[in-house]
Each structure stands twice: as C-alpha cells, then as structure tokens.
Amino acid sequence: MEMRLIKTEEDYNNALTRMDELFDVTPKSKEFAEAELLMALIEMYEEKHYKIDAPDAIEAIKFRMEQTGMKPTELAKYLGTRGRVSEILNRKRKLTVSMMRILHQELGIPAESLLA
C-alpha cells in the first residue's frame, strides 16, 4: 500500500481495511514496518477527527463510584458530609482543589477529568 497522510474518511476506511489485513504479521517483517507506519497515520487522523474529551469531574466521580460499587455515603469520607456529597453530585457545589487531590490520590480518578 502506498503510504500517505490520511485526509478523508475514505482514506481512513481504506487504512483500517489494510490494517485488518496486517493485524497478525510477524515483527521485523516488511509488513510489520508497514503496519507500524499505518497505525501512526490512523492515530493521527483519529486524534484530529474522533477526539474523545475527558468526562467532566462529576461524571468521572460517578463513573468511579459505579466501577467500585461505592455509595454516596461512602464518598463522604473523602469529601466531608453526606450533604456536601449530595450537593457536589447534583452540581450545586463545586469541588475544591483539596477535594480533587483526595479523589485523585484515593480513588485514582484522573486529574485531567477532575480539572475539566
């Protein structure tokens, strides 16, 4: 396949089709080098055209709670009272920097999501 920048949706679909063909190639082969380059081109195109923004802070907290089975009452040990947790989850109170730090350190919520 001729290597060039992926500029259109058609180019993108063709690149994905070719990538499927190259999926199981062996390392150090000519096809493997092609697959590496093609993957880089696909990633560049996707970053520009299919970028997924980080969730906002409240959605990130709710997602982590869902992942871990945590209840809002359990979140109170990180954020203060149950009332404060309710206000935060209902977007009536903003997170403070210290709350963000605790959520990041204790629950592993990505800082970029908490700062969004």
Protein backbone atom coordinates (compact mmCIF):
# COMPACT_ATOMS: atom_id res chain seq x y z
CA MET A 1 0.00 0.00 0.00
CA GLU A 2 1.23 3.47 -0.85
CA MET A 3 1.82 5.41 2.38
CA ARG A 4 0.48 8.94 2.59
CA LEU A 5 -1.37 11.09 5.09
CA ILE A 6 -4.96 10.11 5.77
CA LYS A 7 -7.03 13.13 4.76
CA THR A 8 -10.53 11.83 4.06
CA GLU A 9 -12.98 9.37 5.55
CA GLU A 10 -12.42 7.15 2.51
CA ASP A 11 -8.65 7.18 3.13
CA TYR A 12 -9.34 6.33 6.77
CA ASN A 13 -11.60 3.39 5.91
CA ASN A 14 -9.05 2.08 3.41
CA ALA A 15 -6.33 2.34 6.05
CA LEU A 16 -8.47 0.42 8.55
CA THR A 17 -9.12 -2.30 5.98
CA ARG A 18 -5.40 -2.60 5.27
CA MET A 19 -4.64 -2.64 9.00
CA ASP A 20 -7.02 -5.59 9.39
CA GLU A 21 -5.04 -7.42 6.71
CA LEU A 22 -1.76 -6.68 8.51
CA PHE A 23 -3.00 -7.48 12.01
CA ASP A 24 -1.13 -10.77 12.51
CA VAL A 25 2.15 -10.02 10.73
CA THR A 26 5.40 -11.07 12.35
CA PRO A 27 7.79 -8.50 13.84
CA LYS A 28 10.79 -7.46 11.75
CA SER A 29 8.96 -8.21 8.51
CA LYS A 30 8.34 -5.67 5.77
CA GLU A 31 4.62 -5.88 6.53
CA PHE A 32 5.26 -5.16 10.22
CA ALA A 33 7.02 -1.90 9.33
CA GLU A 34 4.06 -1.02 7.13
CA ALA A 35 1.65 -1.81 9.98
CA GLU A 36 3.56 0.42 12.41
CA LEU A 37 3.54 3.34 10.00
CA LEU A 38 -0.10 2.79 9.10
CA MET A 39 -1.07 2.68 12.78
CA ALA A 40 0.68 6.01 13.36
CA LEU A 41 -1.20 7.56 10.44
CA ILE A 42 -4.52 6.16 11.69
CA GLU A 43 -3.85 7.51 15.19
CA MET A 44 -3.06 10.97 13.80
CA TYR A 45 -6.31 11.01 11.83
CA GLU A 46 -8.37 9.76 14.79
CA GLU A 47 -6.83 12.31 17.14
CA LYS A 48 -7.92 15.08 14.81
CA HIS A 49 -11.34 13.78 13.76
CA TYR A 50 -12.53 11.48 16.55
CA LYS A 51 -11.07 13.05 19.64
CA ILE A 52 -12.86 11.99 22.81
CA ASP A 53 -12.85 14.62 25.51
CA ALA A 54 -12.30 13.65 29.11
CA PRO A 55 -15.52 13.49 31.12
CA ASP A 56 -16.31 16.35 33.45
CA ALA A 57 -15.43 15.97 37.13
CA ILE A 58 -18.88 14.88 38.33
CA GLU A 59 -19.25 12.28 35.58
CA ALA A 60 -15.76 10.98 36.40
CA ILE A 61 -16.70 10.63 40.08
CA LYS A 62 -19.98 8.89 39.25
CA PHE A 63 -18.19 6.55 36.86
CA ARG A 64 -15.61 5.58 39.50
CA MET A 65 -18.40 5.07 42.03
CA GLU A 66 -20.17 2.77 39.58
CA GLN A 67 -16.95 0.86 38.86
CA THR A 68 -16.24 0.25 42.53
CA GLY A 69 -19.82 -0.11 43.74
CA MET A 70 -19.32 2.88 46.03
CA LYS A 71 -22.37 4.58 47.50
CA PRO A 72 -22.60 8.36 48.00
CA THR A 73 -22.46 7.83 51.77
CA GLU A 74 -19.06 6.13 51.34
CA LEU A 75 -17.83 9.08 49.31
CA ALA A 76 -18.44 11.30 52.34
CA LYS A 77 -15.21 10.07 53.97
CA TYR A 78 -13.33 11.78 51.13
CA LEU A 79 -15.47 14.89 50.64
CA GLY A 80 -16.95 15.63 54.05
CA THR A 81 -20.59 15.24 54.96
CA ARG A 82 -23.27 13.32 53.09
CA GLY A 83 -24.95 16.67 52.43
CA ARG A 84 -21.81 18.00 50.79
CA VAL A 85 -21.52 14.86 48.64
CA SER A 86 -25.14 15.32 47.55
CA GLU A 87 -24.52 18.97 46.65
CA ILE A 88 -21.42 18.05 44.64
CA LEU A 89 -23.05 15.16 42.78
CA ASN A 90 -26.06 17.37 41.99
CA ARG A 91 -23.75 20.15 40.76
CA LYS A 92 -24.83 22.62 43.44
CA ARG A 93 -21.35 22.85 44.95
CA LYS A 94 -18.02 22.94 43.16
CA LEU A 95 -15.11 20.69 44.02
CA THR A 96 -12.23 22.37 45.81
CA VAL A 97 -8.63 21.75 44.84
CA SER A 98 -8.09 19.71 48.01
CA MET A 99 -11.15 17.56 47.19
CA MET A 100 -9.78 16.98 43.69
CA ARG A 101 -6.41 15.98 45.11
CA ILE A 102 -8.03 13.49 47.52
CA LEU A 103 -10.24 11.98 44.80
CA HIS A 104 -7.23 11.60 42.55
CA GLN A 105 -4.97 10.08 45.22
CA GLU A 106 -7.51 7.88 46.99
CA LEU A 107 -9.83 6.81 44.18
CA GLY A 108 -7.45 7.06 41.23
CA ILE A 109 -9.68 9.42 39.27
CA PRO A 110 -7.51 11.06 36.57
CA ALA A 111 -6.59 14.62 37.47
CA GLU A 112 -7.43 15.85 33.95
CA SER A 113 -11.00 14.61 34.43
CA LEU A 114 -11.33 16.34 37.79
CA LEU A 115 -9.97 19.60 36.40
CA ALA A 116 -12.22 19.54 33.31
